Amino acid sequence: MYEEFDLFTFLIGLPLGIIITGIVFMINRKIGKKKRWFDERYNRIHGRARSYSWVATTIAILVVWMIVIVKEGPGLTFFLLTGLWVVHMVSYSIGAIIANQEN
């Protein structure tokens, strides 16, 4: 399956992709600031969208977690999902703390 996988090409392409993505992001941000794309309305809409996305991700992790417990028991997959859940909740807690300090 991986007979023709070239690790060198991958290791060159990965940083190159990250650099190109960063350049495109910076150009988009600069144009957006000039055209006032990132105003208060934009921040409110995207704040709500991130909130809905976070709730959907939380529900998805819980559903998959339950399926893994029933199907496989406490194996590697269960512990990986548990780690993902912990990271998810800790990041929410840190975000809530930062948001409360800004208000």
PDB file of N, CA and C in Angstrom:
ATOM      1  N   MET A   1       0.818  -1.196   0.000  1.00  0.00           N
ATOM      2  CA  MET A   1       0.000   0.000   0.000  1.00  0.00           C
ATOM      3  C   MET A   1       0.866   1.266   0.000  1.00  0.00           C
ATOM      4  N   TYR A   2       1.984   1.236   0.736  1.00  0.00           N
ATOM      5  CA  TYR A   2       2.836   2.417   0.841  1.00  0.00           C
ATOM      6  C   TYR A   2       4.183   2.209   0.136  1.00  0.00           C
ATOM      7  N   GLU A   3       4.232   1.326  -0.848  1.00  0.00           N
ATOM      8  CA  GLU A   3       5.501   1.033  -1.500  1.00  0.00           C
ATOM      9  C   GLU A   3       6.104   2.268  -2.148  1.00  0.00           C
ATOM     10  N   GLU A   4       5.269   3.130  -2.718  1.00  0.00           N
ATOM     11  CA  GLU A   4       5.781   4.277  -3.450  1.00  0.00           C
ATOM     12  C   GLU A   4       5.662   5.583  -2.663  1.00  0.00           C
ATOM     13  N   PHE A   5       5.437   5.495  -1.369  1.00  0.00           N
ATOM     14  CA  PHE A   5       5.340   6.685  -0.530  1.00  0.00           C
ATOM     15  C   PHE A   5       6.733   7.256  -0.317  1.00  0.00           C
ATOM     16  N   ASP A   6       6.923   8.501  -0.678  1.00  0.00           N
ATOM     17  CA  ASP A   6       8.220   9.154  -0.556  1.00  0.00           C
ATOM     18  C   ASP A   6       8.180  10.099   0.646  1.00  0.00           C
ATOM     19  N   LEU A   7       8.845   9.713   1.702  1.00  0.00           N
ATOM     20  CA  LEU A   7       8.837  10.492   2.935  1.00  0.00           C
ATOM     21  C   LEU A   7       9.469  11.866   2.736  1.00  0.00           C
ATOM     22  N   PHE A   8      10.528  11.951   1.938  1.00  0.00           N
ATOM     23  CA  PHE A   8      11.187  13.236   1.696  1.00  0.00           C
ATOM     24  C   PHE A   8      10.237  14.233   1.038  1.00  0.00           C
ATOM     25  N   THR A   9       9.497  13.762   0.039  1.00  0.00           N
ATOM     26  CA  THR A   9       8.534  14.634  -0.643  1.00  0.00           C
ATOM     27  C   THR A   9       7.461  15.103   0.329  1.00  0.00           C
ATOM     28  N   PHE A  10       6.998  14.192   1.181  1.00  0.00           N
ATOM     29  CA  PHE A  10       6.001  14.551   2.178  1.00  0.00           C
ATOM     30  C   PHE A  10       6.546  15.609   3.137  1.00  0.00           C
ATOM     31  N   LEU A  11       7.758  15.408   3.609  1.00  0.00           N
ATOM     32  CA  LEU A  11       8.334  16.342   4.577  1.00  0.00           C
ATOM     33  C   LEU A  11       8.645  17.701   3.961  1.00  0.00           C
ATOM     34  N   ILE A  12       8.871  17.758   2.645  1.00  0.00           N
ATOM     35  CA  ILE A  12       9.052  19.040   1.961  1.00  0.00           C
ATOM     36  C   ILE A  12       7.688  19.685   1.703  1.00  0.00           C
ATOM     37  N   GLY A  13       6.709  18.872   1.296  1.00  0.00           N
ATOM     38  CA  GLY A  13       5.389  19.389   0.937  1.00  0.00           C
ATOM     39  C   GLY A  13       4.592  19.900   2.119  1.00  0.00           C
ATOM     40  N   LEU A  14       4.740  19.264   3.271  1.00  0.00           N
ATOM     41  CA  LEU A  14       3.974  19.677   4.452  1.00  0.00           C
ATOM     42  C   LEU A  14       4.312  21.102   4.884  1.00  0.00           C
ATOM     43  N   PRO A  15       5.583  21.443   5.109  1.00  0.00           N
ATOM     44  CA  PRO A  15       5.887  22.835   5.473  1.00  0.00           C
ATOM     45  C   PRO A  15       5.530  23.825   4.359  1.00  0.00           C
ATOM     46  N   LEU A  16       5.719  23.404   3.115  1.00  0.00           N
ATOM     47  CA  LEU A  16       5.371  24.272   1.997  1.00  0.00           C
ATOM     48  C   LEU A  16       3.872  24.569   1.996  1.00  0.00           C
ATOM     49  N   GLY A  17       3.058  23.552   2.256  1.00  0.00           N
ATOM     50  CA  GLY A  17       1.612  23.756   2.341  1.00  0.00           C
ATOM     51  C   GLY A  17       1.234  24.682   3.484  1.00  0.00           C
ATOM     52  N   ILE A  18       1.900  24.533   4.610  1.00  0.00           N
ATOM     53  CA  ILE A  18       1.628  25.395   5.765  1.00  0.00           C
ATOM     54  C   ILE A  18       2.017  26.841   5.450  1.00  0.00           C
ATOM     55  N   ILE A  19       3.144  27.028   4.787  1.00  0.00           N
ATOM     56  CA  ILE A  19       3.591  28.384   4.426  1.00  0.00           C
ATOM     57  C   ILE A  19       2.620  29.033   3.437  1.00  0.00           C
ATOM     58  N   ILE A  20       2.200  28.277   2.414  1.00  0.00           N
ATOM     59  CA  ILE A  20       1.259  28.818   1.429  1.00  0.00           C
ATOM     60  C   ILE A  20      -0.067  29.170   2.088  1.00  0.00           C
ATOM     61  N   THR A  21      -0.546  28.304   2.989  1.00  0.00           N
ATOM     62  CA  THR A  21      -1.787  28.595   3.708  1.00  0.00           C
ATOM     63  C   THR A  21      -1.647  29.863   4.535  1.00  0.00           C
ATOM     64  N   GLY A  22      -0.510  30.048   5.200  1.00  0.00           N
ATOM     65  CA  GLY A  22      -0.270  31.259   5.986  1.00  0.00           C
ATOM     66  C   GLY A  22      -0.251  32.514   5.129  1.00  0.00           C
ATOM     67  N   ILE A  23       0.378  32.424   3.962  1.00  0.00           N
ATOM     68  CA  ILE A  23       0.430  33.575   3.058  1.00  0.00           C
ATOM     69  C   ILE A  23      -0.972  33.942   2.579  1.00  0.00           C
ATOM     70  N   VAL A  24      -1.751  32.928   2.177  1.00  0.00           N
ATOM     71  CA  VAL A  24      -3.125  33.183   1.718  1.00  0.00           C
ATOM     72  C   VAL A  24      -3.958  33.785   2.851  1.00  0.00           C
ATOM     73  N   PHE A  25      -3.786  33.278   4.070  1.00  0.00           N
ATOM     74  CA  PHE A  25      -4.510  33.819   5.222  1.00  0.00           C
ATOM     75  C   PHE A  25      -4.163  35.287   5.455  1.00  0.00           C
ATOM     76  N   MET A  26      -2.879  35.613   5.390  1.00  0.00           N
ATOM     77  CA  MET A  26      -2.450  37.001   5.627  1.00  0.00           C
ATOM     78  C   MET A  26      -2.989  37.941   4.542  1.00  0.00           C
ATOM     79  N   ILE A  27      -2.956  37.501   3.287  1.00  0.00           N
ATOM     80  CA  ILE A  27      -3.481  38.331   2.191  1.00  0.00           C
ATOM     81  C   ILE A  27      -4.983  38.536   2.376  1.00  0.00           C
ATOM     82  N   ASN A  28      -5.698  37.456   2.694  1.00  0.00           N
ATOM     83  CA  ASN A  28      -7.151  37.555   2.910  1.00  0.00           C
ATOM     84  C   ASN A  28      -7.465  38.491   4.074  1.00  0.00           C
ATOM     85  N   ARG A  29      -6.690  38.394   5.130  1.00  0.00           N
ATOM     86  CA  ARG A  29      -6.910  39.252   6.301  1.00  0.00           C
ATOM     87  C   ARG A  29      -6.670  40.731   5.947  1.00  0.00           C
ATOM     88  N   LYS A  30      -5.624  40.991   5.177  1.00  0.00           N
ATOM     89  CA  LYS A  30      -5.310  42.368   4.795  1.00  0.00           C
ATOM     90  C   LYS A  30      -6.403  42.961   3.912  1.00  0.00           C
ATOM     91  N   ILE A  31      -6.858  42.196   2.926  1.00  0.00           N
ATOM     92  CA  ILE A  31      -7.936  42.658   2.056  1.00  0.00           C
ATOM     93  C   ILE A  31      -9.220  42.848   2.861  1.00  0.00           C
ATOM     94  N   GLY A  32      -9.496  41.905   3.770  1.00  0.00           N
ATOM     95  CA  GLY A  32     -10.702  41.984   4.584  1.00  0.00           C
ATOM     96  C   GLY A  32     -10.731  43.209   5.482  1.00  0.00           C
ATOM     97  N   LYS A  33      -9.595  43.586   6.025  1.00  0.00           N
ATOM     98  CA  LYS A  33      -9.544  44.786   6.867  1.00  0.00           C
ATOM     99  C   LYS A  33      -9.789  46.045   6.055  1.00  0.00           C
ATOM    100  N   LYS A  34      -9.253  46.077   4.828  1.00  0.00           N
ATOM    101  CA  LYS A  34      -9.474  47.247   3.972  1.00  0.00           C
ATOM    102  C   LYS A  34     -10.940  47.376   3.586  1.00  0.00           C
ATOM    103  N   LYS A  35     -11.602  46.250   3.347  1.00  0.00           N
ATOM    104  CA  LYS A  35     -13.005  46.272   2.935  1.00  0.00           C
ATOM    105  C   LYS A  35     -13.964  46.163   4.123  1.00  0.00           C
ATOM    106  N   ARG A  36     -13.429  46.197   5.317  1.00  0.00           N
ATOM    107  CA  ARG A  36     -14.205  46.141   6.560  1.00  0.00           C
ATOM    108  C   ARG A  36     -15.085  44.885   6.648  1.00  0.00           C
ATOM    109  N   TRP A  37     -14.498  43.747   6.296  1.00  0.00           N
ATOM    110  CA  TRP A  37     -15.229  42.483   6.407  1.00  0.00           C
ATOM    111  C   TRP A  37     -15.327  42.019   7.855  1.00  0.00           C
ATOM    112  N   PHE A  38     -14.390  42.428   8.700  1.00  0.00           N
ATOM    113  CA  PHE A  38     -14.289  41.905  10.057  1.00  0.00           C
ATOM    114  C   PHE A  38     -14.815  42.907  11.078  1.00  0.00           C
ATOM    115  N   ASP A  39     -16.074  43.279  10.929  1.00  0.00           N
ATOM    116  CA  ASP A  39     -16.676  44.235  11.848  1.00  0.00           C
ATOM    117  C   ASP A  39     -17.375  43.489  12.993  1.00  0.00           C
ATOM    118  N   GLU A  40     -18.144  44.220  13.778  1.00  0.00           N
ATOM    119  CA  GLU A  40     -18.825  43.630  14.931  1.00  0.00           C
ATOM    120  C   GLU A  40     -19.817  42.549  14.511  1.00  0.00           C
ATOM    121  N   ARG A  41     -20.516  42.777  13.413  1.00  0.00           N
ATOM    122  CA  ARG A  41     -21.484  41.792  12.917  1.00  0.00           C
ATOM    123  C   ARG A  41     -20.783  40.486  12.562  1.00  0.00           C
ATOM    124  N   TYR A  42     -19.656  40.593  11.894  1.00  0.00           N
ATOM    125  CA  TYR A  42     -18.859  39.418  11.529  1.00  0.00           C
ATOM    126  C   TYR A  42     -18.462  38.651  12.789  1.00  0.00           C
ATOM    127  N   ASN A  43     -17.985  39.352  13.798  1.00  0.00           N
ATOM    128  CA  ASN A  43     -17.553  38.696  15.033  1.00  0.00           C
ATOM    129  C   ASN A  43     -18.704  38.000  15.743  1.00  0.00           C
ATOM    130  N   ARG A  44     -19.876  38.614  15.767  1.00  0.00           N
ATOM    131  CA  ARG A  44     -21.034  37.991  16.417  1.00  0.00           C
ATOM    132  C   ARG A  44     -21.482  36.736  15.671  1.00  0.00           C
ATOM    133  N   ILE A  45     -21.556  36.833  14.347  1.00  0.00           N
ATOM    134  CA  ILE A  45     -21.992  35.685  13.540  1.00  0.00           C
ATOM    135  C   ILE A  45     -21.022  34.517  13.713  1.00  0.00           C
ATOM    136  N   HIS A  46     -19.736  34.796  13.625  1.00  0.00           N
ATOM    137  CA  HIS A  46     -18.760  33.716  13.719  1.00  0.00           C
ATOM    138  C   HIS A  46     -18.606  33.204  15.149  1.00  0.00           C
ATOM    139  N   GLY A  47     -18.859  34.041  16.131  1.00  0.00           N
ATOM    140  CA  GLY A  47     -18.880  33.580  17.517  1.00  0.00           C
ATOM    141  C   GLY A  47     -20.007  32.590  17.751  1.00  0.00           C
ATOM    142  N   ARG A  48     -21.181  32.904  17.225  1.00  0.00           N
ATOM    143  CA  ARG A  48     -22.315  31.967  17.342  1.00  0.00           C
ATOM    144  C   ARG A  48     -22.057  30.690  16.556  1.00  0.00           C
ATOM    145  N   ALA A  49     -21.463  30.826  15.372  1.00  0.00           N
ATOM    146  CA  ALA A  49     -21.161  29.640  14.554  1.00  0.00           C
ATOM    147  C   ALA A  49     -20.175  28.725  15.276  1.00  0.00           C
ATOM    148  N   ARG A  50     -19.156  29.295  15.909  1.00  0.00           N
ATOM    149  CA  ARG A  50     -18.208  28.481  16.673  1.00  0.00           C
ATOM    150  C   ARG A  50     -18.900  27.814  17.854  1.00  0.00           C
ATOM    151  N   SER A  51     -19.843  28.513  18.479  1.00  0.00           N
ATOM    152  CA  SER A  51     -20.581  27.940  19.593  1.00  0.00           C
ATOM    153  C   SER A  51     -21.411  26.740  19.150  1.00  0.00           C
ATOM    154  N   TYR A  52     -22.140  26.882  18.041  1.00  0.00           N
ATOM    155  CA  TYR A  52     -22.929  25.764  17.519  1.00  0.00           C
ATOM    156  C   TYR A  52     -22.020  24.607  17.112  1.00  0.00           C
ATOM    157  N   SER A  53     -20.902  24.924  16.505  1.00  0.00           N
ATOM    158  CA  SER A  53     -19.952  23.903  16.083  1.00  0.00           C
ATOM    159  C   SER A  53     -19.397  23.156  17.296  1.00  0.00           C
ATOM    160  N   TRP A  54     -19.110  23.876  18.361  1.00  0.00           N
ATOM    161  CA  TRP A  54     -18.581  23.249  19.572  1.00  0.00           C
ATOM    162  C   TRP A  54     -19.613  22.296  20.157  1.00  0.00           C
ATOM    163  N   VAL A  55     -20.866  22.697  20.197  1.00  0.00           N
ATOM    164  CA  VAL A  55     -21.929  21.828  20.725  1.00  0.00           C
ATOM    165  C   VAL A  55     -22.071  20.582  19.852  1.00  0.00           C
ATOM    166  N   ALA A  56     -22.058  20.747  18.536  1.00  0.00           N
ATOM    167  CA  ALA A  56     -22.174  19.600  17.626  1.00  0.00           C
ATOM    168  C   ALA A  56     -20.999  18.639  17.808  1.00  0.00           C
ATOM    169  N   THR A  57     -19.805  19.179  17.979  1.00  0.00           N
ATOM    170  CA  THR A  57     -18.634  18.335  18.197  1.00  0.00           C
ATOM    171  C   THR A  57     -18.739  17.596  19.525  1.00  0.00           C
ATOM    172  N   THR A  58     -19.225  18.261  20.556  1.00  0.00           N
ATOM    173  CA  THR A  58     -19.407  17.624  21.849  1.00  0.00           C
ATOM    174  C   THR A  58     -20.372  16.444  21.743  1.00  0.00           C
ATOM    175  N   ILE A  59     -21.481  16.651  21.079  1.00  0.00           N
ATOM    176  CA  ILE A  59     -22.470  15.578  20.915  1.00  0.00           C
ATOM    177  C   ILE A  59     -21.887  14.434  20.094  1.00  0.00           C
ATOM    178  N   ALA A  60     -21.174  14.759  19.014  1.00  0.00           N
ATOM    179  CA  ALA A  60     -20.578  13.726  18.171  1.00  0.00           C
ATOM    180  C   ALA A  60     -19.562  12.887  18.950  1.00  0.00           C
ATOM    181  N   ILE A  61     -18.727  13.541  19.749  1.00  0.00           N
ATOM    182  CA  ILE A  61     -17.739  12.804  20.547  1.00  0.00           C
ATOM    183  C   ILE A  61     -18.450  11.882  21.531  1.00  0.00           C
ATOM    184  N   LEU A  62     -19.498  12.365  22.177  1.00  0.00           N
ATOM    185  CA  LEU A  62     -20.226  11.525  23.136  1.00  0.00           C
ATOM    186  C   LEU A  62     -20.872  10.320  22.463  1.00  0.00           C
ATOM    187  N   VAL A  63     -21.482  10.528  21.291  1.00  0.00           N
ATOM    188  CA  VAL A  63     -22.140   9.426  20.585  1.00  0.00           C
ATOM    189  C   VAL A  63     -21.101   8.379  20.170  1.00  0.00           C
ATOM    190  N   VAL A  64     -19.990   8.822  19.586  1.00  0.00           N
ATOM    191  CA  VAL A  64     -18.947   7.888  19.166  1.00  0.00           C
ATOM    192  C   VAL A  64     -18.335   7.194  20.379  1.00  0.00           C
ATOM    193  N   TRP A  65     -18.184   7.900  21.464  1.00  0.00           N
ATOM    194  CA  TRP A  65     -17.655   7.336  22.695  1.00  0.00           C
ATOM    195  C   TRP A  65     -18.530   6.186  23.176  1.00  0.00           C
ATOM    196  N   MET A  66     -19.856   6.398  23.168  1.00  0.00           N
ATOM    197  CA  MET A  66     -20.785   5.345  23.596  1.00  0.00           C
ATOM    198  C   MET A  66     -20.744   4.144  22.650  1.00  0.00           C
ATOM    199  N   ILE A  67     -20.664   4.405  21.355  1.00  0.00           N
ATOM    200  CA  ILE A  67     -20.592   3.309  20.382  1.00  0.00           C
ATOM    201  C   ILE A  67     -19.320   2.490  20.592  1.00  0.00           C
ATOM    202  N   VAL A  68     -18.215   3.147  20.832  1.00  0.00           N
ATOM    203  CA  VAL A  68     -16.948   2.448  21.052  1.00  0.00           C
ATOM    204  C   VAL A  68     -17.015   1.606  22.313  1.00  0.00           C
ATOM    205  N   ILE A  69     -17.589   2.146  23.376  1.00  0.00           N
ATOM    206  CA  ILE A  69     -17.707   1.386  24.634  1.00  0.00           C
ATOM    207  C   ILE A  69     -18.534   0.123  24.417  1.00  0.00           C
ATOM    208  N   VAL A  70     -19.661   0.240  23.702  1.00  0.00           N
ATOM    209  CA  VAL A  70     -20.541  -0.910  23.491  1.00  0.00           C
ATOM    210  C   VAL A  70     -19.886  -1.930  22.559  1.00  0.00           C
ATOM    211  N   LYS A  71     -19.271  -1.465  21.478  1.00  0.00           N
ATOM    212  CA  LYS A  71     -18.718  -2.373  20.472  1.00  0.00           C
ATOM    213  C   LYS A  71     -17.373  -2.982  20.866  1.00  0.00           C
ATOM    214  N   GLU A  72     -16.459  -2.170  21.385  1.00  0.00           N
ATOM    215  CA  GLU A  72     -15.086  -2.625  21.591  1.00  0.00           C
ATOM    216  C   GLU A  72     -14.678  -2.751  23.056  1.00  0.00           C
ATOM    217  N   GLY A  73     -15.377  -2.106  23.934  1.00  0.00           N
ATOM    218  CA  GLY A  73     -14.946  -2.110  25.323  1.00  0.00           C
ATOM    219  C   GLY A  73     -13.819  -1.109  25.538  1.00  0.00           C
ATOM    220  N   PRO A  74     -13.238  -1.144  26.730  1.00  0.00           N
ATOM    221  CA  PRO A  74     -12.184  -0.165  27.032  1.00  0.00           C
ATOM    222  C   PRO A  74     -10.855  -0.541  26.389  1.00  0.00           C
ATOM    223  N   GLY A  75     -10.714  -0.233  25.116  1.00  0.00           N
ATOM    224  CA  GLY A  75      -9.463  -0.485  24.390  1.00  0.00           C
ATOM    225  C   GLY A  75      -8.788   0.827  24.044  1.00  0.00           C
ATOM    226  N   LEU A  76      -7.881   0.761  23.090  1.00  0.00           N
ATOM    227  CA  LEU A  76      -7.120   1.939  22.686  1.00  0.00           C
ATOM    228  C   LEU A  76      -8.032   3.046  22.158  1.00  0.00           C
ATOM    229  N   THR A  77      -9.011   2.670  21.349  1.00  0.00           N
ATOM    230  CA  THR A  77      -9.912   3.666  20.782  1.00  0.00           C
ATOM    231  C   THR A  77     -10.654   4.438  21.872  1.00  0.00           C
ATOM    232  N   PHE A  78     -11.102   3.713  22.891  1.00  0.00           N
ATOM    233  CA  PHE A  78     -11.803   4.360  24.006  1.00  0.00           C
ATOM    234  C   PHE A  78     -10.914   5.389  24.682  1.00  0.00           C
ATOM    235  N   PHE A  79      -9.669   5.025  24.931  1.00  0.00           N
ATOM    236  CA  PHE A  79      -8.774   5.948  25.624  1.00  0.00           C
ATOM    237  C   PHE A  79      -8.369   7.126  24.743  1.00  0.00           C
ATOM    238  N   LEU A  80      -8.266   6.907  23.437  1.00  0.00           N
ATOM    239  CA  LEU A  80      -8.020   8.027  22.529  1.00  0.00           C
ATOM    240  C   LEU A  80      -9.198   8.997  22.523  1.00  0.00           C
ATOM    241  N   LEU A  81     -10.413   8.458  22.496  1.00  0.00           N
ATOM    242  CA  LEU A  81     -11.594   9.333  22.543  1.00  0.00           C
ATOM    243  C   LEU A  81     -11.706  10.039  23.894  1.00  0.00           C
ATOM    244  N   THR A  82     -11.317   9.357  24.955  1.00  0.00           N
ATOM    245  CA  THR A  82     -11.317  10.001  26.270  1.00  0.00           C
ATOM    246  C   THR A  82     -10.332  11.162  26.293  1.00  0.00           C
ATOM    247  N   GLY A  83      -9.151  10.957  25.715  1.00  0.00           N
ATOM    248  CA  GLY A  83      -8.168  12.040  25.623  1.00  0.00           C
ATOM    249  C   GLY A  83      -8.684  13.198  24.789  1.00  0.00           C
ATOM    250  N   LEU A  84      -9.353  12.879  23.673  1.00  0.00           N
ATOM    251  CA  LEU A  84      -9.945  13.920  22.839  1.00  0.00           C
ATOM    252  C   LEU A  84     -11.007  14.698  23.613  1.00  0.00           C
ATOM    253  N   TRP A  85     -11.814  13.997  24.391  1.00  0.00           N
ATOM    254  CA  TRP A  85     -12.849  14.633  25.208  1.00  0.00           C
ATOM    255  C   TRP A  85     -12.221  15.578  26.236  1.00  0.00           C
ATOM    256  N   VAL A  86     -11.159  15.133  26.880  1.00  0.00           N
ATOM    257  CA  VAL A  86     -10.489  15.958  27.891  1.00  0.00           C
ATOM    258  C   VAL A  86      -9.914  17.225  27.249  1.00  0.00           C
ATOM    259  N   VAL A  87      -9.249  17.072  26.108  1.00  0.00           N
ATOM    260  CA  VAL A  87      -8.702  18.241  25.410  1.00  0.00           C
ATOM    261  C   VAL A  87      -9.820  19.195  25.008  1.00  0.00           C
ATOM    262  N   HIS A  88     -10.918  18.631  24.516  1.00  0.00           N
ATOM    263  CA  HIS A  88     -12.068  19.426  24.086  1.00  0.00           C
ATOM    264  C   HIS A  88     -12.629  20.250  25.257  1.00  0.00           C
ATOM    265  N   MET A  89     -12.811  19.615  26.390  1.00  0.00           N
ATOM    266  CA  MET A  89     -13.388  20.296  27.543  1.00  0.00           C
ATOM    267  C   MET A  89     -12.405  21.277  28.187  1.00  0.00           C
ATOM    268  N   VAL A  90     -11.132  20.925  28.235  1.00  0.00           N
ATOM    269  CA  VAL A  90     -10.128  21.839  28.805  1.00  0.00           C
ATOM    270  C   VAL A  90      -9.993  23.086  27.934  1.00  0.00           C
ATOM    271  N   SER A  91     -10.027  22.894  26.613  1.00  0.00           N
ATOM    272  CA  SER A  91      -9.934  24.066  25.732  1.00  0.00           C
ATOM    273  C   SER A  91     -11.150  24.970  25.905  1.00  0.00           C
ATOM    274  N   TYR A  92     -12.323  24.380  26.113  1.00  0.00           N
ATOM    275  CA  TYR A  92     -13.516  25.184  26.380  1.00  0.00           C
ATOM    276  C   TYR A  92     -13.352  25.955  27.695  1.00  0.00           C
ATOM    277  N   SER A  93     -12.849  25.285  28.715  1.00  0.00           N
ATOM    278  CA  SER A  93     -12.660  25.938  30.015  1.00  0.00           C
ATOM    279  C   SER A  93     -11.682  27.109  29.912  1.00  0.00           C
ATOM    280  N   ILE A  94     -10.600  26.902  29.221  1.00  0.00           N
ATOM    281  CA  ILE A  94      -9.606  27.975  29.048  1.00  0.00           C
ATOM    282  C   ILE A  94     -10.232  29.134  28.267  1.00  0.00           C
ATOM    283  N   GLY A  95     -10.979  28.813  27.209  1.00  0.00           N
ATOM    284  CA  GLY A  95     -11.654  29.855  26.442  1.00  0.00           C
ATOM    285  C   GLY A  95     -12.660  30.633  27.277  1.00  0.00           C
ATOM    286  N   ALA A  96     -13.393  29.923  28.146  1.00  0.00           N
ATOM    287  CA  ALA A  96     -14.367  30.593  29.015  1.00  0.00           C
ATOM    288  C   ALA A  96     -13.667  31.500  30.013  1.00  0.00           C
ATOM    289  N   ILE A  97     -12.563  31.055  30.548  1.00  0.00           N
ATOM    290  CA  ILE A  97     -11.814  31.879  31.504  1.00  0.00           C
ATOM    291  C   ILE A  97     -11.304  33.146  30.822  1.00  0.00           C
ATOM    292  N   ILE A  98     -10.754  32.997  29.635  1.00  0.00           N
ATOM    293  CA  ILE A  98     -10.241  34.162  28.893  1.00  0.00           C
ATOM    294  C   ILE A  98     -11.383  35.116  28.548  1.00  0.00           C
ATOM    295  N   ALA A  99     -12.508  34.575  28.107  1.00  0.00           N
ATOM    296  CA  ALA A  99     -13.653  35.425  27.739  1.00  0.00           C
ATOM    297  C   ALA A  99     -14.192  36.162  28.955  1.00  0.00           C
ATOM    298  N   ASN A 100     -14.214  35.531  30.119  1.00  0.00           N
ATOM    299  CA  ASN A 100     -14.699  36.185  31.333  1.00  0.00           C
ATOM    300  C   ASN A 100     -13.751  37.279  31.801  1.00  0.00           C
ATOM    301  N   GLN A 101     -12.462  37.099  31.587  1.00  0.00           N
ATOM    302  CA  GLN A 101     -11.497  38.127  31.989  1.00  0.00           C
ATOM    303  C   GLN A 101     -11.568  39.344  31.081  1.00  0.00           C
ATOM    304  N   GLU A 102     -11.971  39.141  29.812  1.00  0.00           N
ATOM    305  CA  GLU A 102     -12.071  40.267  28.889  1.00  0.00           C
ATOM    306  C   GLU A 102     -13.298  41.126  29.172  1.00  0.00           C
ATOM    307  N   ASN A 103     -14.311  40.566  29.801  1.00  0.00           N
ATOM    308  CA  ASN A 103     -15.548  41.330  30.076  1.00  0.00           C
ATOM    309  C   ASN A 103     -15.461  42.038  31.356  1.00  0.00           C
TER     310      ASN A 103
END
